[in-house]
Amino acid sequence: MSERFEPFDPARLPADARAVYDRIMSERGYIPGPYLFWLAAPGFTDRIEPVEEYLRYGVSLGERQVEVITLVVAKHWRARYVWTSHGPSAEKVGVDPAVVEAIRSGAEPDFDNEDERVCYEASKALVDGRGLDDALWARTVAAIGERGLSELLGLIGLYTSVCLTMVAYRMPTKYGEPDPLP
């Protein structure tokens, strides 16, 4: 456990945070990792939760694309908890384990699917601060559409917030594993 947080106890939440906690529990049956910390700002939590729900499950992007984007962001911020949650999730939805390992180690992944490649390249360019040059913009829109590009941008923003939260609180790996990120 990190010295930056105590074990989570919903009984200690103030009334406004408890109301948000209870709503999320009734709808999802669990509280995702960063929410344990975001509940300190219940208004933020109450508003970001439906955005997170949409970006995870309501987008036009496929599960593999979402996981590739998430892994790029987790690697960039060295978010161990996020990586140990989404690395296995990516493989479960069909992202090639060699691609997951390449992203983890910082090597150039070899994609079989152009849509995953474009999601990787666009996400990597954006988190690295390079933006999207005209050629990458055109390839991205051709592969996932303008709606998909907007969703990609939203996912990068969401997972940047998730990763920064977990890094700031020094959240360890999800399963108590050694640090998976070089």
N, C-alpha and C. Protein backbone atom coordinates (compact mmCIF):
# COMPACT_ATOMS: atom_id res chain seq x y z
N MET A 1 0.84 -1.18 0.00
CA MET A 1 0.00 0.00 0.00
C MET A 1 0.89 1.25 0.00
N SER A 2 0.42 2.27 -0.62
CA SER A 2 1.16 3.53 -0.69
C SER A 2 0.94 4.34 0.58
N GLU A 3 1.91 5.15 0.91
CA GLU A 3 1.76 6.04 2.05
C GLU A 3 0.83 7.22 1.73
N ARG A 4 0.38 7.32 0.49
CA ARG A 4 -0.46 8.44 0.09
C ARG A 4 -1.95 8.16 0.22
N PHE A 5 -2.32 6.96 0.58
CA PHE A 5 -3.74 6.67 0.77
C PHE A 5 -3.91 5.56 1.78
N GLU A 6 -5.03 5.63 2.47
CA GLU A 6 -5.39 4.59 3.42
C GLU A 6 -6.32 3.60 2.72
N PRO A 7 -6.48 2.43 3.27
CA PRO A 7 -7.46 1.51 2.68
C PRO A 7 -8.82 2.21 2.56
N PHE A 8 -9.46 2.00 1.43
CA PHE A 8 -10.73 2.67 1.15
C PHE A 8 -11.83 2.14 2.05
N ASP A 9 -12.57 3.06 2.66
CA ASP A 9 -13.70 2.69 3.52
C ASP A 9 -14.86 3.61 3.18
N PRO A 10 -15.87 3.13 2.47
CA PRO A 10 -16.99 4.00 2.09
C PRO A 10 -17.72 4.61 3.28
N ALA A 11 -17.61 4.00 4.46
CA ALA A 11 -18.27 4.55 5.65
C ALA A 11 -17.67 5.89 6.05
N ARG A 12 -16.45 6.17 5.61
CA ARG A 12 -15.80 7.44 5.96
C ARG A 12 -16.11 8.56 4.96
N LEU A 13 -16.84 8.26 3.90
CA LEU A 13 -17.14 9.28 2.89
C LEU A 13 -18.14 10.30 3.41
N PRO A 14 -17.94 11.58 3.09
CA PRO A 14 -18.99 12.56 3.41
C PRO A 14 -20.26 12.26 2.61
N ALA A 15 -21.37 12.82 3.00
CA ALA A 15 -22.67 12.49 2.42
C ALA A 15 -22.70 12.66 0.90
N ASP A 16 -22.13 13.76 0.37
CA ASP A 16 -22.19 13.98 -1.08
C ASP A 16 -21.37 12.93 -1.84
N ALA A 17 -20.22 12.57 -1.30
CA ALA A 17 -19.40 11.54 -1.93
C ALA A 17 -20.06 10.17 -1.78
N ARG A 18 -20.70 9.94 -0.66
CA ARG A 18 -21.37 8.64 -0.43
C ARG A 18 -22.53 8.47 -1.42
N ALA A 19 -23.22 9.56 -1.75
CA ALA A 19 -24.32 9.47 -2.72
C ALA A 19 -23.78 9.07 -4.09
N VAL A 20 -22.64 9.62 -4.50
CA VAL A 20 -22.03 9.26 -5.78
C VAL A 20 -21.54 7.82 -5.73
N TYR A 21 -20.89 7.47 -4.65
CA TYR A 21 -20.43 6.09 -4.46
C TYR A 21 -21.59 5.11 -4.58
N ASP A 22 -22.68 5.38 -3.87
CA ASP A 22 -23.83 4.48 -3.89
C ASP A 22 -24.43 4.36 -5.29
N ARG A 23 -24.50 5.47 -6.03
CA ARG A 23 -25.03 5.43 -7.39
C ARG A 23 -24.17 4.55 -8.28
N ILE A 24 -22.85 4.75 -8.22
CA ILE A 24 -21.95 3.96 -9.06
C ILE A 24 -22.03 2.49 -8.68
N MET A 25 -22.05 2.19 -7.39
CA MET A 25 -22.15 0.79 -6.96
C MET A 25 -23.45 0.17 -7.44
N SER A 26 -24.55 0.92 -7.39
CA SER A 26 -25.84 0.35 -7.81
C SER A 26 -25.86 0.10 -9.32
N GLU A 27 -25.16 0.93 -10.09
CA GLU A 27 -25.14 0.79 -11.54
C GLU A 27 -24.09 -0.21 -12.03
N ARG A 28 -22.91 -0.21 -11.39
CA ARG A 28 -21.80 -1.04 -11.86
C ARG A 28 -21.51 -2.25 -10.99
N GLY A 29 -21.78 -2.11 -9.72
CA GLY A 29 -21.47 -3.20 -8.80
C GLY A 29 -20.04 -3.17 -8.27
N TYR A 30 -19.27 -2.18 -8.68
CA TYR A 30 -17.89 -2.02 -8.20
C TYR A 30 -17.47 -0.57 -8.42
N ILE A 31 -16.37 -0.20 -7.80
CA ILE A 31 -15.81 1.14 -7.94
C ILE A 31 -14.46 1.00 -8.64
N PRO A 32 -14.33 1.54 -9.87
CA PRO A 32 -13.04 1.46 -10.57
C PRO A 32 -11.93 2.17 -9.78
N GLY A 33 -10.71 1.70 -9.97
CA GLY A 33 -9.55 2.17 -9.21
C GLY A 33 -9.44 3.67 -8.97
N PRO A 34 -9.44 4.51 -10.01
CA PRO A 34 -9.23 5.94 -9.76
C PRO A 34 -10.36 6.59 -8.99
N TYR A 35 -11.54 5.99 -9.02
CA TYR A 35 -12.69 6.57 -8.31
C TYR A 35 -12.46 6.58 -6.81
N LEU A 36 -11.63 5.67 -6.33
CA LEU A 36 -11.32 5.65 -4.90
C LEU A 36 -10.71 6.98 -4.46
N PHE A 37 -10.03 7.63 -5.40
CA PHE A 37 -9.39 8.92 -5.11
C PHE A 37 -10.26 10.08 -5.59
N TRP A 38 -10.91 9.89 -6.73
CA TRP A 38 -11.76 10.96 -7.28
C TRP A 38 -12.95 11.27 -6.38
N LEU A 39 -13.37 10.33 -5.55
CA LEU A 39 -14.49 10.59 -4.65
C LEU A 39 -14.20 11.70 -3.65
N ALA A 40 -12.93 12.09 -3.53
CA ALA A 40 -12.60 13.26 -2.71
C ALA A 40 -13.21 14.53 -3.31
N ALA A 41 -13.50 14.49 -4.60
CA ALA A 41 -14.18 15.58 -5.30
C ALA A 41 -15.44 14.98 -5.94
N PRO A 42 -16.51 14.80 -5.16
CA PRO A 42 -17.67 14.07 -5.65
C PRO A 42 -18.32 14.68 -6.89
N GLY A 43 -18.30 16.00 -7.03
CA GLY A 43 -18.87 16.63 -8.23
C GLY A 43 -18.12 16.21 -9.48
N PHE A 44 -16.80 16.17 -9.39
CA PHE A 44 -15.97 15.70 -10.50
C PHE A 44 -16.28 14.24 -10.81
N THR A 45 -16.32 13.42 -9.78
CA THR A 45 -16.57 11.99 -9.95
C THR A 45 -17.93 11.75 -10.60
N ASP A 46 -18.93 12.49 -10.14
CA ASP A 46 -20.28 12.32 -10.66
C ASP A 46 -20.36 12.68 -12.14
N ARG A 47 -19.51 13.59 -12.59
CA ARG A 47 -19.53 14.02 -13.99
C ARG A 47 -18.61 13.19 -14.88
N ILE A 48 -17.48 12.76 -14.35
CA ILE A 48 -16.55 12.00 -15.20
C ILE A 48 -17.01 10.55 -15.38
N GLU A 49 -17.75 10.01 -14.43
CA GLU A 49 -18.15 8.61 -14.52
C GLU A 49 -18.96 8.31 -15.78
N PRO A 50 -19.98 9.12 -16.13
CA PRO A 50 -20.69 8.81 -17.38
C PRO A 50 -19.82 9.02 -18.63
N VAL A 51 -18.88 9.95 -18.57
CA VAL A 51 -17.95 10.14 -19.69
C VAL A 51 -17.08 8.90 -19.83
N GLU A 52 -16.56 8.41 -18.72
CA GLU A 52 -15.73 7.20 -18.74
C GLU A 52 -16.53 6.01 -19.24
N GLU A 53 -17.76 5.89 -18.78
CA GLU A 53 -18.63 4.79 -19.22
C GLU A 53 -18.84 4.86 -20.73
N TYR A 54 -19.10 6.05 -21.26
CA TYR A 54 -19.29 6.20 -22.71
C TYR A 54 -18.00 5.87 -23.47
N LEU A 55 -16.88 6.43 -23.03
CA LEU A 55 -15.63 6.23 -23.75
C LEU A 55 -15.14 4.79 -23.69
N ARG A 56 -15.53 4.07 -22.67
CA ARG A 56 -15.13 2.66 -22.58
C ARG A 56 -16.06 1.75 -23.37
N TYR A 57 -17.37 2.06 -23.37
CA TYR A 57 -18.33 1.09 -23.89
C TYR A 57 -19.31 1.63 -24.93
N GLY A 58 -19.32 2.92 -25.20
CA GLY A 58 -20.29 3.48 -26.12
C GLY A 58 -19.72 4.05 -27.40
N VAL A 59 -18.43 3.91 -27.60
CA VAL A 59 -17.78 4.52 -28.75
C VAL A 59 -17.89 3.65 -30.00
N SER A 60 -17.61 4.28 -31.12
CA SER A 60 -17.60 3.54 -32.40
C SER A 60 -16.34 2.70 -32.54
N LEU A 61 -15.30 3.04 -31.79
CA LEU A 61 -14.05 2.29 -31.83
C LEU A 61 -14.26 0.88 -31.27
N GLY A 62 -13.51 -0.07 -31.80
CA GLY A 62 -13.57 -1.43 -31.28
C GLY A 62 -12.78 -1.58 -29.99
N GLU A 63 -13.03 -2.67 -29.29
CA GLU A 63 -12.34 -2.92 -28.01
C GLU A 63 -10.82 -2.94 -28.18
N ARG A 64 -10.33 -3.54 -29.26
CA ARG A 64 -8.88 -3.60 -29.48
C ARG A 64 -8.31 -2.19 -29.65
N GLN A 65 -9.01 -1.37 -30.39
CA GLN A 65 -8.54 0.00 -30.60
C GLN A 65 -8.49 0.75 -29.27
N VAL A 66 -9.56 0.62 -28.48
CA VAL A 66 -9.61 1.29 -27.17
C VAL A 66 -8.46 0.84 -26.29
N GLU A 67 -8.18 -0.45 -26.27
CA GLU A 67 -7.10 -0.97 -25.42
C GLU A 67 -5.73 -0.52 -25.91
N VAL A 68 -5.51 -0.46 -27.21
CA VAL A 68 -4.23 0.03 -27.73
C VAL A 68 -4.02 1.48 -27.30
N ILE A 69 -5.04 2.31 -27.44
CA ILE A 69 -4.94 3.72 -27.03
C ILE A 69 -4.63 3.79 -25.54
N THR A 70 -5.34 3.01 -24.75
CA THR A 70 -5.14 3.02 -23.29
C THR A 70 -3.72 2.60 -22.93
N LEU A 71 -3.20 1.58 -23.60
CA LEU A 71 -1.83 1.13 -23.31
C LEU A 71 -0.80 2.19 -23.66
N VAL A 72 -1.00 2.91 -24.74
CA VAL A 72 -0.07 3.99 -25.11
C VAL A 72 -0.03 5.04 -24.01
N VAL A 73 -1.20 5.40 -23.50
CA VAL A 73 -1.27 6.42 -22.45
C VAL A 73 -0.66 5.88 -21.15
N ALA A 74 -0.98 4.65 -20.79
CA ALA A 74 -0.43 4.06 -19.56
C ALA A 74 1.09 3.98 -19.62
N LYS A 75 1.62 3.59 -20.76
CA LYS A 75 3.08 3.52 -20.93
C LYS A 75 3.69 4.90 -20.81
N HIS A 76 3.08 5.87 -21.49
CA HIS A 76 3.62 7.24 -21.47
C HIS A 76 3.74 7.76 -20.03
N TRP A 77 2.71 7.55 -19.22
CA TRP A 77 2.71 8.08 -17.85
C TRP A 77 3.31 7.09 -16.83
N ARG A 78 3.77 5.94 -17.32
CA ARG A 78 4.31 4.91 -16.44
C ARG A 78 3.34 4.56 -15.30
N ALA A 79 2.10 4.38 -15.68
CA ALA A 79 1.03 4.09 -14.72
C ALA A 79 0.93 2.57 -14.55
N ARG A 80 1.62 2.09 -13.54
CA ARG A 80 1.73 0.65 -13.30
C ARG A 80 0.38 -0.02 -13.08
N TYR A 81 -0.47 0.59 -12.27
CA TYR A 81 -1.77 0.00 -11.99
C TYR A 81 -2.59 -0.10 -13.27
N VAL A 82 -2.60 0.97 -14.06
CA VAL A 82 -3.37 0.97 -15.30
C VAL A 82 -2.81 -0.08 -16.25
N TRP A 83 -1.49 -0.17 -16.32
CA TRP A 83 -0.89 -1.17 -17.22
C TRP A 83 -1.29 -2.59 -16.81
N THR A 84 -1.21 -2.89 -15.51
CA THR A 84 -1.50 -4.25 -15.07
C THR A 84 -2.98 -4.58 -15.15
N SER A 85 -3.81 -3.57 -15.33
CA SER A 85 -5.22 -3.80 -15.59
C SER A 85 -5.49 -3.97 -17.08
N HIS A 86 -4.91 -3.09 -17.89
CA HIS A 86 -5.25 -3.06 -19.32
C HIS A 86 -4.35 -3.93 -20.20
N GLY A 87 -3.16 -4.28 -19.76
CA GLY A 87 -2.34 -5.21 -20.54
C GLY A 87 -3.07 -6.53 -20.75
N PRO A 88 -3.53 -7.17 -19.66
CA PRO A 88 -4.29 -8.42 -19.82
C PRO A 88 -5.61 -8.21 -20.55
N SER A 89 -6.27 -7.07 -20.32
CA SER A 89 -7.53 -6.78 -21.02
C SER A 89 -7.32 -6.69 -22.52
N ALA A 90 -6.22 -6.06 -22.91
CA ALA A 90 -5.92 -5.93 -24.34
C ALA A 90 -5.77 -7.30 -24.99
N GLU A 91 -5.02 -8.16 -24.35
CA GLU A 91 -4.83 -9.51 -24.90
C GLU A 91 -6.15 -10.28 -24.92
N LYS A 92 -6.97 -10.10 -23.90
CA LYS A 92 -8.25 -10.80 -23.82
C LYS A 92 -9.18 -10.44 -24.98
N VAL A 93 -9.13 -9.16 -25.43
CA VAL A 93 -10.00 -8.75 -26.54
C VAL A 93 -9.36 -8.96 -27.90
N GLY A 94 -8.14 -9.51 -27.93
CA GLY A 94 -7.54 -9.90 -29.20
C GLY A 94 -6.35 -9.09 -29.68
N VAL A 95 -5.83 -8.18 -28.86
CA VAL A 95 -4.61 -7.49 -29.25
C VAL A 95 -3.47 -8.50 -29.14
N ASP A 96 -2.67 -8.59 -30.17
CA ASP A 96 -1.55 -9.54 -30.21
C ASP A 96 -0.64 -9.32 -28.99
N PRO A 97 -0.34 -10.37 -28.23
CA PRO A 97 0.55 -10.23 -27.07
C PRO A 97 1.90 -9.60 -27.44
N ALA A 98 2.39 -9.84 -28.64
CA ALA A 98 3.65 -9.23 -29.08
C ALA A 98 3.50 -7.71 -29.20
N VAL A 99 2.34 -7.25 -29.60
CA VAL A 99 2.07 -5.81 -29.67
C VAL A 99 2.03 -5.23 -28.26
N VAL A 100 1.36 -5.90 -27.35
CA VAL A 100 1.29 -5.44 -25.96
C VAL A 100 2.71 -5.34 -25.39
N GLU A 101 3.51 -6.35 -25.61
CA GLU A 101 4.89 -6.35 -25.10
C GLU A 101 5.72 -5.25 -25.75
N ALA A 102 5.55 -5.02 -27.03
CA ALA A 102 6.31 -3.96 -27.71
C ALA A 102 5.95 -2.60 -27.12
N ILE A 103 4.68 -2.34 -26.92
CA ILE A 103 4.28 -1.06 -26.31
C ILE A 103 4.89 -0.95 -24.92
N ARG A 104 4.79 -2.02 -24.14
CA ARG A 104 5.33 -2.02 -22.77
C ARG A 104 6.82 -1.71 -22.75
N SER A 105 7.57 -2.31 -23.66
CA SER A 105 9.03 -2.17 -23.65
C SER A 105 9.53 -0.94 -24.39
N GLY A 106 8.63 -0.27 -25.11
CA GLY A 106 9.04 0.91 -25.87
C GLY A 106 9.54 0.60 -27.27
N ALA A 107 9.36 -0.65 -27.70
CA ALA A 107 9.75 -1.03 -29.06
C ALA A 107 8.62 -0.65 -30.03
N GLU A 108 8.94 -0.67 -31.29
CA GLU A 108 7.92 -0.38 -32.31
C GLU A 108 7.08 -1.63 -32.53
N PRO A 109 5.77 -1.55 -32.26
CA PRO A 109 4.92 -2.73 -32.45
C PRO A 109 4.72 -3.06 -33.93
N ASP A 110 4.54 -4.33 -34.21
CA ASP A 110 4.25 -4.79 -35.57
C ASP A 110 2.78 -5.21 -35.60
N PHE A 111 1.94 -4.37 -36.18
CA PHE A 111 0.50 -4.61 -36.20
C PHE A 111 0.08 -5.37 -37.45
N ASP A 112 -0.87 -6.26 -37.29
CA ASP A 112 -1.53 -6.90 -38.42
C ASP A 112 -2.70 -6.07 -38.91
N ASN A 113 -3.28 -5.27 -38.01
CA ASN A 113 -4.47 -4.48 -38.33
C ASN A 113 -4.12 -3.00 -38.46
N GLU A 114 -4.50 -2.42 -39.60
CA GLU A 114 -4.22 -1.00 -39.85
C GLU A 114 -4.93 -0.11 -38.84
N ASP A 115 -6.15 -0.45 -38.45
CA ASP A 115 -6.87 0.39 -37.51
C ASP A 115 -6.15 0.46 -36.16
N GLU A 116 -5.60 -0.66 -35.70
CA GLU A 116 -4.83 -0.65 -34.45
C GLU A 116 -3.54 0.14 -34.63
N ARG A 117 -2.88 -0.03 -35.79
CA ARG A 117 -1.64 0.70 -36.06
C ARG A 117 -1.89 2.21 -36.01
N VAL A 118 -2.96 2.64 -36.67
CA VAL A 118 -3.28 4.07 -36.71
C VAL A 118 -3.61 4.58 -35.31
N CYS A 119 -4.37 3.82 -34.54
CA CYS A 119 -4.68 4.23 -33.16
C CYS A 119 -3.40 4.36 -32.34
N TYR A 120 -2.48 3.42 -32.52
CA TYR A 120 -1.20 3.48 -31.83
C TYR A 120 -0.41 4.72 -32.26
N GLU A 121 -0.24 4.89 -33.57
CA GLU A 121 0.59 5.99 -34.08
C GLU A 121 0.01 7.35 -33.72
N ALA A 122 -1.30 7.52 -33.85
CA ALA A 122 -1.92 8.80 -33.52
C ALA A 122 -1.81 9.07 -32.02
N SER A 123 -2.10 8.06 -31.20
CA SER A 123 -2.01 8.24 -29.74
C SER A 123 -0.58 8.55 -29.31
N LYS A 124 0.36 7.82 -29.85
CA LYS A 124 1.78 8.03 -29.51
C LYS A 124 2.22 9.43 -29.91
N ALA A 125 1.87 9.86 -31.11
CA ALA A 125 2.25 11.20 -31.57
C ALA A 125 1.65 12.26 -30.65
N LEU A 126 0.41 12.07 -30.25
CA LEU A 126 -0.24 13.07 -29.40
C LEU A 126 0.34 13.10 -27.98
N VAL A 127 0.52 11.94 -27.35
CA VAL A 127 1.06 11.96 -25.98
C VAL A 127 2.52 12.40 -25.96
N ASP A 128 3.22 12.20 -27.07
CA ASP A 128 4.61 12.67 -27.16
C ASP A 128 4.70 14.15 -27.48
N GLY A 129 3.55 14.80 -27.69
CA GLY A 129 3.54 16.24 -27.95
C GLY A 129 3.84 16.63 -29.38
N ARG A 130 3.77 15.68 -30.30
CA ARG A 130 4.10 15.98 -31.70
C ARG A 130 2.88 16.37 -32.52
N GLY A 131 1.70 16.15 -31.99
CA GLY A 131 0.50 16.43 -32.77
C GLY A 131 0.36 15.43 -33.91
N LEU A 132 -0.56 15.73 -34.82
CA LEU A 132 -0.80 14.86 -35.97
C LEU A 132 -0.44 15.63 -37.23
N ASP A 133 0.59 15.15 -37.93
CA ASP A 133 0.90 15.80 -39.22
C ASP A 133 -0.21 15.46 -40.20
N ASP A 134 -0.19 16.11 -41.35
CA ASP A 134 -1.29 15.93 -42.32
C ASP A 134 -1.43 14.48 -42.77
N ALA A 135 -0.33 13.79 -42.97
CA ALA A 135 -0.40 12.40 -43.44
C ALA A 135 -1.02 11.50 -42.37
N LEU A 136 -0.60 11.64 -41.11
CA LEU A 136 -1.16 10.82 -40.05
C LEU A 136 -2.63 11.19 -39.80
N TRP A 137 -2.96 12.46 -39.88
CA TRP A 137 -4.35 12.89 -39.76
C TRP A 137 -5.20 12.17 -40.81
N ALA A 138 -4.77 12.21 -42.06
CA ALA A 138 -5.53 11.61 -43.15
C ALA A 138 -5.66 10.11 -42.97
N ARG A 139 -4.59 9.42 -42.57
CA ARG A 139 -4.64 7.98 -42.34
C ARG A 139 -5.58 7.64 -41.19
N THR A 140 -5.55 8.46 -40.15
CA THR A 140 -6.41 8.21 -38.99
C THR A 140 -7.88 8.37 -39.37
N VAL A 141 -8.21 9.47 -40.04
CA VAL A 141 -9.60 9.68 -40.45
C VAL A 141 -10.05 8.60 -41.42
N ALA A 142 -9.16 8.17 -42.32
CA ALA A 142 -9.52 7.11 -43.26
C ALA A 142 -9.78 5.79 -42.54
N ALA A 143 -9.01 5.51 -41.48
CA ALA A 143 -9.12 4.22 -40.78
C ALA A 143 -10.27 4.18 -39.77
N ILE A 144 -10.47 5.28 -39.03
CA ILE A 144 -11.47 5.22 -37.94
C ILE A 144 -12.53 6.32 -38.04
N GLY A 145 -12.43 7.17 -39.04
CA GLY A 145 -13.42 8.23 -39.22
C GLY A 145 -13.20 9.40 -38.29
N GLU A 146 -13.88 10.48 -38.57
CA GLU A 146 -13.73 11.67 -37.72
C GLU A 146 -14.34 11.43 -36.34
N ARG A 147 -15.43 10.68 -36.28
CA ARG A 147 -16.00 10.33 -34.99
C ARG A 147 -14.99 9.52 -34.17
N GLY A 148 -14.37 8.53 -34.81
CA GLY A 148 -13.37 7.72 -34.12
C GLY A 148 -12.20 8.55 -33.64
N LEU A 149 -11.79 9.54 -34.45
CA LEU A 149 -10.70 10.42 -34.05
C LEU A 149 -11.10 11.23 -32.81
N SER A 150 -12.33 11.75 -32.80
CA SER A 150 -12.79 12.49 -31.62
C SER A 150 -12.82 11.60 -30.39
N GLU A 151 -13.25 10.35 -30.58
CA GLU A 151 -13.28 9.42 -29.46
C GLU A 151 -11.87 9.07 -29.00
N LEU A 152 -10.94 8.92 -29.93
CA LEU A 152 -9.53 8.68 -29.60
C LEU A 152 -9.00 9.82 -28.73
N LEU A 153 -9.31 11.05 -29.11
CA LEU A 153 -8.86 12.20 -28.33
C LEU A 153 -9.47 12.18 -26.94
N GLY A 154 -10.76 11.84 -26.85
CA GLY A 154 -11.40 11.74 -25.55
C GLY A 154 -10.79 10.65 -24.68
N LEU A 155 -10.48 9.51 -25.29
CA LEU A 155 -9.84 8.42 -24.54
C LEU A 155 -8.47 8.82 -24.02
N ILE A 156 -7.71 9.52 -24.84
CA ILE A 156 -6.39 9.99 -24.38
C ILE A 156 -6.56 10.92 -23.18
N GLY A 157 -7.53 11.82 -23.26
CA GLY A 157 -7.78 12.73 -22.13
C GLY A 157 -8.22 11.99 -20.89
N LEU A 158 -9.17 11.08 -21.05
CA LEU A 158 -9.67 10.32 -19.91
C LEU A 158 -8.55 9.51 -19.27
N TYR A 159 -7.81 8.76 -20.08
CA TYR A 159 -6.78 7.89 -19.50
C TYR A 159 -5.57 8.68 -19.01
N THR A 160 -5.36 9.87 -19.53
CA THR A 160 -4.34 10.73 -18.93
C THR A 160 -4.76 11.08 -17.51
N SER A 161 -6.02 11.42 -17.32
CA SER A 161 -6.52 11.72 -15.98
C SER A 161 -6.43 10.50 -15.07
N VAL A 162 -6.84 9.34 -15.58
CA VAL A 162 -6.74 8.11 -14.80
C VAL A 162 -5.29 7.84 -14.41
N CYS A 163 -4.40 7.88 -15.39
CA CYS A 163 -2.99 7.57 -15.14
C CYS A 163 -2.35 8.56 -14.17
N LEU A 164 -2.60 9.83 -14.37
CA LEU A 164 -2.01 10.82 -13.47
C LEU A 164 -2.51 10.64 -12.04
N THR A 165 -3.79 10.29 -11.91
CA THR A 165 -4.32 10.01 -10.57
C THR A 165 -3.58 8.85 -9.93
N MET A 166 -3.43 7.77 -10.65
CA MET A 166 -2.79 6.58 -10.09
C MET A 166 -1.31 6.81 -9.81
N VAL A 167 -0.65 7.57 -10.68
CA VAL A 167 0.76 7.89 -10.46
C VAL A 167 0.92 8.84 -9.27
N ALA A 168 0.06 9.86 -9.18
CA ALA A 168 0.16 10.82 -8.07
C ALA A 168 -0.03 10.14 -6.72
N TYR A 169 -0.95 9.19 -6.66
CA TYR A 169 -1.21 8.48 -5.41
C TYR A 169 -0.26 7.31 -5.19
N ARG A 170 0.66 7.11 -6.15
CA ARG A 170 1.61 6.00 -6.09
C ARG A 170 0.91 4.65 -5.93
N MET A 171 -0.13 4.48 -6.73
CA MET A 171 -0.88 3.23 -6.71
C MET A 171 0.01 2.13 -7.27
N PRO A 172 0.18 1.05 -6.52
CA PRO A 172 1.03 -0.04 -7.01
C PRO A 172 0.34 -0.80 -8.13
N THR A 173 0.99 -1.81 -8.63
CA THR A 173 0.40 -2.64 -9.67
C THR A 173 -0.88 -3.28 -9.13
N LYS A 174 -1.75 -3.63 -10.04
CA LYS A 174 -3.06 -4.15 -9.65
C LYS A 174 -2.95 -5.46 -8.88
N TYR A 175 -2.03 -6.30 -9.23
CA TYR A 175 -1.95 -7.63 -8.63
C TYR A 175 -0.74 -7.81 -7.72
N GLY A 176 -0.13 -6.70 -7.31
CA GLY A 176 1.03 -6.79 -6.45
C GLY A 176 2.28 -7.27 -7.16
N GLU A 177 2.26 -7.20 -8.50
CA GLU A 177 3.41 -7.64 -9.30
C GLU A 177 4.53 -6.62 -9.21
N PRO A 178 5.73 -6.99 -9.62
CA PRO A 178 6.80 -6.01 -9.74
C PRO A 178 6.43 -4.97 -10.80
N ASP A 179 7.09 -3.85 -10.78
CA ASP A 179 6.83 -2.78 -11.76
C ASP A 179 7.00 -3.33 -13.16
N PRO A 180 5.94 -3.32 -13.98
CA PRO A 180 6.02 -3.90 -15.31
C PRO A 180 6.59 -2.94 -16.37
N LEU A 181 6.76 -1.69 -16.02
CA LEU A 181 7.13 -0.70 -17.03
C LEU A 181 8.57 -0.25 -16.87
N PRO A 182 9.35 -0.40 -17.95
CA PRO A 182 10.76 0.03 -17.88
C PRO A 182 10.88 1.54 -17.84
